[in-house]
Amino acid sequence: MTEFNLVEWRLERRLETRPTARVVALAAAAAAAVLVCSLLFAAAGASPRAAFEALLKGSFGSSRAAGETLVKATP
């Protein structure tokens, strides 16, 4: 049986990535973040749906809130 030797492996940056691969990676990361947050909310005894609704309402519930969110998110 062949042993797994990490020394033989080398990571290299891709010169090109397909746009669909980027979209899939972004969607997978967002889904994983929502899943982890939902589990944390549920473990804390809160409703994940209510927590996300409050988060979205606080961030984008009014034009002022949306503007403030964009101001804080812009470098």
PDB file of N, CA and C in Angstrom:
ATOM      1  N   MET A   1       0.843  -1.172   0.000  1.00  0.00           N
ATOM      2  CA  MET A   1       0.000   0.000   0.000  1.00  0.00           C
ATOM      3  C   MET A   1       0.895   1.244   0.000  1.00  0.00           C
ATOM      4  N   THR A   2       0.522   2.234  -0.762  1.00  0.00           N
ATOM      5  CA  THR A   2       1.298   3.459  -0.873  1.00  0.00           C
ATOM      6  C   THR A   2       0.983   4.389   0.287  1.00  0.00           C
ATOM      7  N   GLU A   3       2.019   4.958   0.860  1.00  0.00           N
ATOM      8  CA  GLU A   3       1.823   5.913   1.949  1.00  0.00           C
ATOM      9  C   GLU A   3       1.501   7.283   1.377  1.00  0.00           C
ATOM     10  N   PHE A   4       0.734   8.027   2.128  1.00  0.00           N
ATOM     11  CA  PHE A   4       0.414   9.393   1.732  1.00  0.00           C
ATOM     12  C   PHE A   4       1.532  10.298   2.219  1.00  0.00           C
ATOM     13  N   ASN A   5       2.225  10.913   1.292  1.00  0.00           N
ATOM     14  CA  ASN A   5       3.347  11.771   1.637  1.00  0.00           C
ATOM     15  C   ASN A   5       3.034  13.191   1.187  1.00  0.00           C
ATOM     16  N   LEU A   6       2.865  14.079   2.144  1.00  0.00           N
ATOM     17  CA  LEU A   6       2.500  15.455   1.839  1.00  0.00           C
ATOM     18  C   LEU A   6       3.651  16.219   1.197  1.00  0.00           C
ATOM     19  N   VAL A   7       4.860  15.766   1.377  1.00  0.00           N
ATOM     20  CA  VAL A   7       6.019  16.458   0.821  1.00  0.00           C
ATOM     21  C   VAL A   7       5.996  16.412  -0.700  1.00  0.00           C
ATOM     22  N   GLU A   8       5.438  15.370  -1.264  1.00  0.00           N
ATOM     23  CA  GLU A   8       5.390  15.236  -2.715  1.00  0.00           C
ATOM     24  C   GLU A   8       4.334  16.136  -3.348  1.00  0.00           C
ATOM     25  N   TRP A   9       3.400  16.632  -2.573  1.00  0.00           N
ATOM     26  CA  TRP A   9       2.327  17.466  -3.091  1.00  0.00           C
ATOM     27  C   TRP A   9       2.749  18.919  -3.071  1.00  0.00           C
ATOM     28  N   ARG A  10       2.301  19.664  -4.054  1.00  0.00           N
ATOM     29  CA  ARG A  10       2.612  21.083  -4.109  1.00  0.00           C
ATOM     30  C   ARG A  10       1.379  21.837  -4.594  1.00  0.00           C
ATOM     31  N   LEU A  11       1.016  22.880  -3.875  1.00  0.00           N
ATOM     32  CA  LEU A  11      -0.117  23.701  -4.280  1.00  0.00           C
ATOM     33  C   LEU A  11       0.365  24.779  -5.233  1.00  0.00           C
ATOM     34  N   GLU A  12      -0.361  24.945  -6.307  1.00  0.00           N
ATOM     35  CA  GLU A  12      -0.015  25.970  -7.284  1.00  0.00           C
ATOM     36  C   GLU A  12      -1.242  26.816  -7.569  1.00  0.00           C
ATOM     37  N   ARG A  13      -1.023  28.092  -7.741  1.00  0.00           N
ATOM     38  CA  ARG A  13      -2.109  29.002  -8.074  1.00  0.00           C
ATOM     39  C   ARG A  13      -2.537  28.759  -9.517  1.00  0.00           C
ATOM     40  N   ARG A  14      -3.834  28.722  -9.711  1.00  0.00           N
ATOM     41  CA  ARG A  14      -4.344  28.555 -11.073  1.00  0.00           C
ATOM     42  C   ARG A  14      -4.206  29.864 -11.833  1.00  0.00           C
ATOM     43  N   LEU A  15      -3.843  29.756 -13.078  1.00  0.00           N
ATOM     44  CA  LEU A  15      -3.729  30.956 -13.893  1.00  0.00           C
ATOM     45  C   LEU A  15      -5.104  31.468 -14.301  1.00  0.00           C
ATOM     46  N   GLU A  16      -6.017  30.550 -14.521  1.00  0.00           N
ATOM     47  CA  GLU A  16      -7.371  30.934 -14.904  1.00  0.00           C
ATOM     48  C   GLU A  16      -8.365  30.095 -14.116  1.00  0.00           C
ATOM     49  N   THR A  17      -9.450  30.727 -13.708  1.00  0.00           N
ATOM     50  CA  THR A  17     -10.549  29.994 -13.092  1.00  0.00           C
ATOM     51  C   THR A  17     -11.817  30.321 -13.865  1.00  0.00           C
ATOM     52  N   ARG A  18     -12.635  29.329 -14.011  1.00  0.00           N
ATOM     53  CA  ARG A  18     -13.887  29.547 -14.733  1.00  0.00           C
ATOM     54  C   ARG A  18     -14.829  30.394 -13.890  1.00  0.00           C
ATOM     55  N   PRO A  19     -15.590  31.270 -14.514  1.00  0.00           N
ATOM     56  CA  PRO A  19     -16.545  32.094 -13.759  1.00  0.00           C
ATOM     57  C   PRO A  19     -17.561  31.256 -12.988  1.00  0.00           C
ATOM     58  N   THR A  20     -17.958  30.127 -13.557  1.00  0.00           N
ATOM     59  CA  THR A  20     -18.927  29.284 -12.846  1.00  0.00           C
ATOM     60  C   THR A  20     -18.314  28.704 -11.575  1.00  0.00           C
ATOM     61  N   ALA A  21     -17.024  28.415 -11.603  1.00  0.00           N
ATOM     62  CA  ALA A  21     -16.367  27.887 -10.406  1.00  0.00           C
ATOM     63  C   ALA A  21     -16.352  28.941  -9.302  1.00  0.00           C
ATOM     64  N   ARG A  22     -16.157  30.181  -9.671  1.00  0.00           N
ATOM     65  CA  ARG A  22     -16.181  31.260  -8.676  1.00  0.00           C
ATOM     66  C   ARG A  22     -17.567  31.424  -8.073  1.00  0.00           C
ATOM     67  N   VAL A  23     -18.583  31.361  -8.911  1.00  0.00           N
ATOM     68  CA  VAL A  23     -19.962  31.511  -8.430  1.00  0.00           C
ATOM     69  C   VAL A  23     -20.329  30.348  -7.517  1.00  0.00           C
ATOM     70  N   VAL A  24     -19.950  29.146  -7.909  1.00  0.00           N
ATOM     71  CA  VAL A  24     -20.249  27.971  -7.091  1.00  0.00           C
ATOM     72  C   VAL A  24     -19.523  28.059  -5.751  1.00  0.00           C
ATOM     73  N   ALA A  25     -18.271  28.488  -5.764  1.00  0.00           N
ATOM     74  CA  ALA A  25     -17.512  28.620  -4.517  1.00  0.00           C
ATOM     75  C   ALA A  25     -18.136  29.672  -3.609  1.00  0.00           C
ATOM     76  N   LEU A  26     -18.557  30.784  -4.175  1.00  0.00           N
ATOM     77  CA  LEU A  26     -19.201  31.836  -3.390  1.00  0.00           C
ATOM     78  C   LEU A  26     -20.524  31.353  -2.802  1.00  0.00           C
ATOM     79  N   ALA A  27     -21.316  30.662  -3.607  1.00  0.00           N
ATOM     80  CA  ALA A  27     -22.601  30.143  -3.127  1.00  0.00           C
ATOM     81  C   ALA A  27     -22.397  29.091  -2.035  1.00  0.00           C
ATOM     82  N   ALA A  28     -21.406  28.240  -2.201  1.00  0.00           N
ATOM     83  CA  ALA A  28     -21.126  27.217  -1.191  1.00  0.00           C
ATOM     84  C   ALA A  28     -20.662  27.856   0.116  1.00  0.00           C
ATOM     85  N   ALA A  29     -19.844  28.885   0.021  1.00  0.00           N
ATOM     86  CA  ALA A  29     -19.377  29.575   1.229  1.00  0.00           C
ATOM     87  C   ALA A  29     -20.538  30.267   1.942  1.00  0.00           C
ATOM     88  N   ALA A  30     -21.420  30.901   1.179  1.00  0.00           N
ATOM     89  CA  ALA A  30     -22.574  31.572   1.781  1.00  0.00           C
ATOM     90  C   ALA A  30     -23.513  30.558   2.435  1.00  0.00           C
ATOM     91  N   ALA A  31     -23.739  29.437   1.768  1.00  0.00           N
ATOM     92  CA  ALA A  31     -24.610  28.401   2.331  1.00  0.00           C
ATOM     93  C   ALA A  31     -24.008  27.815   3.607  1.00  0.00           C
ATOM     94  N   ALA A  32     -22.704  27.607   3.604  1.00  0.00           N
ATOM     95  CA  ALA A  32     -22.043  27.079   4.799  1.00  0.00           C
ATOM     96  C   ALA A  32     -22.137  28.077   5.954  1.00  0.00           C
ATOM     97  N   ALA A  33     -21.982  29.359   5.658  1.00  0.00           N
ATOM     98  CA  ALA A  33     -22.076  30.385   6.702  1.00  0.00           C
ATOM     99  C   ALA A  33     -23.487  30.438   7.289  1.00  0.00           C
ATOM    100  N   VAL A  34     -24.494  30.362   6.434  1.00  0.00           N
ATOM    101  CA  VAL A  34     -25.880  30.374   6.912  1.00  0.00           C
ATOM    102  C   VAL A  34     -26.154  29.131   7.757  1.00  0.00           C
ATOM    103  N   LEU A  35     -25.653  27.995   7.332  1.00  0.00           N
ATOM    104  CA  LEU A  35     -25.857  26.757   8.086  1.00  0.00           C
ATOM    105  C   LEU A  35     -25.205  26.835   9.461  1.00  0.00           C
ATOM    106  N   VAL A  36     -23.964  27.292   9.514  1.00  0.00           N
ATOM    107  CA  VAL A  36     -23.258  27.390  10.796  1.00  0.00           C
ATOM    108  C   VAL A  36     -23.957  28.387  11.714  1.00  0.00           C
ATOM    109  N   CYS A  37     -24.348  29.534  11.174  1.00  0.00           N
ATOM    110  CA  CYS A  37     -25.055  30.527  11.993  1.00  0.00           C
ATOM    111  C   CYS A  37     -26.396  29.985  12.477  1.00  0.00           C
ATOM    112  N   SER A  38     -27.091  29.265  11.627  1.00  0.00           N
ATOM    113  CA  SER A  38     -28.373  28.683  12.031  1.00  0.00           C
ATOM    114  C   SER A  38     -28.187  27.698  13.178  1.00  0.00           C
ATOM    115  N   LEU A  39     -27.145  26.895  13.096  1.00  0.00           N
ATOM    116  CA  LEU A  39     -26.869  25.946  14.179  1.00  0.00           C
ATOM    117  C   LEU A  39     -26.527  26.678  15.475  1.00  0.00           C
ATOM    118  N   LEU A  40     -25.768  27.756  15.372  1.00  0.00           N
ATOM    119  CA  LEU A  40     -25.429  28.529  16.568  1.00  0.00           C
ATOM    120  C   LEU A  40     -26.662  29.198  17.169  1.00  0.00           C
ATOM    121  N   PHE A  41     -27.524  29.763  16.326  1.00  0.00           N
ATOM    122  CA  PHE A  41     -28.760  30.368  16.830  1.00  0.00           C
ATOM    123  C   PHE A  41     -29.632  29.317  17.512  1.00  0.00           C
ATOM    124  N   ALA A  42     -29.760  28.156  16.878  1.00  0.00           N
ATOM    125  CA  ALA A  42     -30.582  27.089  17.451  1.00  0.00           C
ATOM    126  C   ALA A  42     -29.991  26.598  18.771  1.00  0.00           C
ATOM    127  N   ALA A  43     -28.676  26.502  18.841  1.00  0.00           N
ATOM    128  CA  ALA A  43     -28.030  26.064  20.083  1.00  0.00           C
ATOM    129  C   ALA A  43     -28.239  27.078  21.203  1.00  0.00           C
ATOM    130  N   ALA A  44     -28.367  28.342  20.836  1.00  0.00           N
ATOM    131  CA  ALA A  44     -28.598  29.390  21.833  1.00  0.00           C
ATOM    132  C   ALA A  44     -30.073  29.484  22.225  1.00  0.00           C
ATOM    133  N   GLY A  45     -30.923  28.723  21.544  1.00  0.00           N
ATOM    134  CA  GLY A  45     -32.343  28.718  21.877  1.00  0.00           C
ATOM    135  C   GLY A  45     -33.167  29.722  21.097  1.00  0.00           C
ATOM    136  N   ALA A  46     -32.582  30.349  20.099  1.00  0.00           N
ATOM    137  CA  ALA A  46     -33.307  31.330  19.290  1.00  0.00           C
ATOM    138  C   ALA A  46     -33.753  30.684  17.980  1.00  0.00           C
ATOM    139  N   SER A  47     -34.764  31.255  17.395  1.00  0.00           N
ATOM    140  CA  SER A  47     -35.231  30.787  16.092  1.00  0.00           C
ATOM    141  C   SER A  47     -34.295  31.332  15.015  1.00  0.00           C
ATOM    142  N   PRO A  48     -33.662  30.463  14.229  1.00  0.00           N
ATOM    143  CA  PRO A  48     -32.773  30.960  13.175  1.00  0.00           C
ATOM    144  C   PRO A  48     -33.490  31.871  12.179  1.00  0.00           C
ATOM    145  N   ARG A  49     -34.733  31.533  11.851  1.00  0.00           N
ATOM    146  CA  ARG A  49     -35.476  32.363  10.900  1.00  0.00           C
ATOM    147  C   ARG A  49     -35.709  33.761  11.466  1.00  0.00           C
ATOM    148  N   ALA A  50     -36.133  33.830  12.722  1.00  0.00           N
ATOM    149  CA  ALA A  50     -36.374  35.132  13.349  1.00  0.00           C
ATOM    150  C   ALA A  50     -35.076  35.929  13.470  1.00  0.00           C
ATOM    151  N   ALA A  51     -33.984  35.243  13.752  1.00  0.00           N
ATOM    152  CA  ALA A  51     -32.696  35.929  13.880  1.00  0.00           C
ATOM    153  C   ALA A  51     -32.252  36.511  12.542  1.00  0.00           C
ATOM    154  N   PHE A  52     -32.390  35.742  11.470  1.00  0.00           N
ATOM    155  CA  PHE A  52     -31.999  36.256  10.153  1.00  0.00           C
ATOM    156  C   PHE A  52     -32.937  37.369   9.688  1.00  0.00           C
ATOM    157  N   GLU A  53     -34.228  37.252  10.019  1.00  0.00           N
ATOM    158  CA  GLU A  53     -35.161  38.326   9.677  1.00  0.00           C
ATOM    159  C   GLU A  53     -34.777  39.620  10.388  1.00  0.00           C
ATOM    160  N   ALA A  54     -34.423  39.521  11.673  1.00  0.00           N
ATOM    161  CA  ALA A  54     -34.014  40.708  12.425  1.00  0.00           C
ATOM    162  C   ALA A  54     -32.716  41.282  11.869  1.00  0.00           C
ATOM    163  N   LEU A  55     -31.807  40.413  11.476  1.00  0.00           N
ATOM    164  CA  LEU A  55     -30.541  40.860  10.896  1.00  0.00           C
ATOM    165  C   LEU A  55     -30.774  41.624   9.597  1.00  0.00           C
ATOM    166  N   LEU A  56     -31.598  41.070   8.729  1.00  0.00           N
ATOM    167  CA  LEU A  56     -31.876  41.735   7.453  1.00  0.00           C
ATOM    168  C   LEU A  56     -32.686  43.014   7.639  1.00  0.00           C
ATOM    169  N   LYS A  57     -33.645  42.982   8.565  1.00  0.00           N
ATOM    170  CA  LYS A  57     -34.450  44.178   8.810  1.00  0.00           C
ATOM    171  C   LYS A  57     -33.588  45.298   9.388  1.00  0.00           C
ATOM    172  N   GLY A  58     -32.670  44.953  10.272  1.00  0.00           N
ATOM    173  CA  GLY A  58     -31.791  45.957  10.853  1.00  0.00           C
ATOM    174  C   GLY A  58     -30.789  46.508   9.855  1.00  0.00           C
ATOM    175  N   SER A  59     -30.387  45.680   8.903  1.00  0.00           N
ATOM    176  CA  SER A  59     -29.389  46.109   7.919  1.00  0.00           C
ATOM    177  C   SER A  59     -29.997  46.802   6.712  1.00  0.00           C
ATOM    178  N   PHE A  60     -31.147  46.331   6.265  1.00  0.00           N
ATOM    179  CA  PHE A  60     -31.741  46.853   5.035  1.00  0.00           C
ATOM    180  C   PHE A  60     -33.218  47.186   5.184  1.00  0.00           C
ATOM    181  N   GLY A  61     -33.700  47.342   6.409  1.00  0.00           N
ATOM    182  CA  GLY A  61     -35.122  47.560   6.656  1.00  0.00           C
ATOM    183  C   GLY A  61     -35.642  48.910   6.214  1.00  0.00           C
ATOM    184  N   SER A  62     -34.779  49.891   6.102  1.00  0.00           N
ATOM    185  CA  SER A  62     -35.187  51.213   5.629  1.00  0.00           C
ATOM    186  C   SER A  62     -34.080  51.752   4.734  1.00  0.00           C
ATOM    187  N   SER A  63     -34.379  52.838   4.051  1.00  0.00           N
ATOM    188  CA  SER A  63     -33.358  53.401   3.166  1.00  0.00           C
ATOM    189  C   SER A  63     -32.174  53.924   3.976  1.00  0.00           C
ATOM    190  N   ARG A  64     -32.445  54.463   5.156  1.00  0.00           N
ATOM    191  CA  ARG A  64     -31.352  54.940   6.010  1.00  0.00           C
ATOM    192  C   ARG A  64     -30.491  53.767   6.485  1.00  0.00           C
ATOM    193  N   ALA A  65     -31.131  52.680   6.906  1.00  0.00           N
ATOM    194  CA  ALA A  65     -30.385  51.505   7.366  1.00  0.00           C
ATOM    195  C   ALA A  65     -29.547  50.918   6.231  1.00  0.00           C
ATOM    196  N   ALA A  66     -30.125  50.850   5.038  1.00  0.00           N
ATOM    197  CA  ALA A  66     -29.384  50.323   3.892  1.00  0.00           C
ATOM    198  C   ALA A  66     -28.199  51.219   3.561  1.00  0.00           C
ATOM    199  N   GLY A  67     -28.408  52.519   3.621  1.00  0.00           N
ATOM    200  CA  GLY A  67     -27.312  53.451   3.359  1.00  0.00           C
ATOM    201  C   GLY A  67     -26.200  53.322   4.378  1.00  0.00           C
ATOM    202  N   GLU A  68     -26.566  53.208   5.649  1.00  0.00           N
ATOM    203  CA  GLU A  68     -25.555  53.048   6.699  1.00  0.00           C
ATOM    204  C   GLU A  68     -24.799  51.730   6.549  1.00  0.00           C
ATOM    205  N   THR A  69     -25.513  50.683   6.157  1.00  0.00           N
ATOM    206  CA  THR A  69     -24.862  49.392   5.934  1.00  0.00           C
ATOM    207  C   THR A  69     -23.846  49.501   4.808  1.00  0.00           C
ATOM    208  N   LEU A  70     -24.220  50.163   3.725  1.00  0.00           N
ATOM    209  CA  LEU A  70     -23.296  50.326   2.601  1.00  0.00           C
ATOM    210  C   LEU A  70     -22.113  51.219   2.974  1.00  0.00           C
ATOM    211  N   VAL A  71     -22.353  52.250   3.774  1.00  0.00           N
ATOM    212  CA  VAL A  71     -21.257  53.128   4.203  1.00  0.00           C
ATOM    213  C   VAL A  71     -20.260  52.346   5.050  1.00  0.00           C
ATOM    214  N   LYS A  72     -20.758  51.546   5.976  1.00  0.00           N
ATOM    215  CA  LYS A  72     -19.865  50.776   6.850  1.00  0.00           C
ATOM    216  C   LYS A  72     -19.137  49.669   6.088  1.00  0.00           C
ATOM    217  N   ALA A  73     -19.759  49.136   5.041  1.00  0.00           N
ATOM    218  CA  ALA A  73     -19.154  48.034   4.291  1.00  0.00           C
ATOM    219  C   ALA A  73     -18.162  48.512   3.238  1.00  0.00           C
ATOM    220  N   THR A  74     -18.203  49.790   2.909  1.00  0.00           N
ATOM    221  CA  THR A  74     -17.314  50.317   1.879  1.00  0.00           C
ATOM    222  C   THR A  74     -15.971  50.697   2.492  1.00  0.00           C
ATOM    223  N   PRO A  75     -14.884  50.195   1.920  1.00  0.00           N
ATOM    224  CA  PRO A  75     -13.564  50.537   2.483  1.00  0.00           C
ATOM    225  C   PRO A  75     -13.185  51.986   2.250  1.00  0.00           C
TER     226      PRO A  75
END
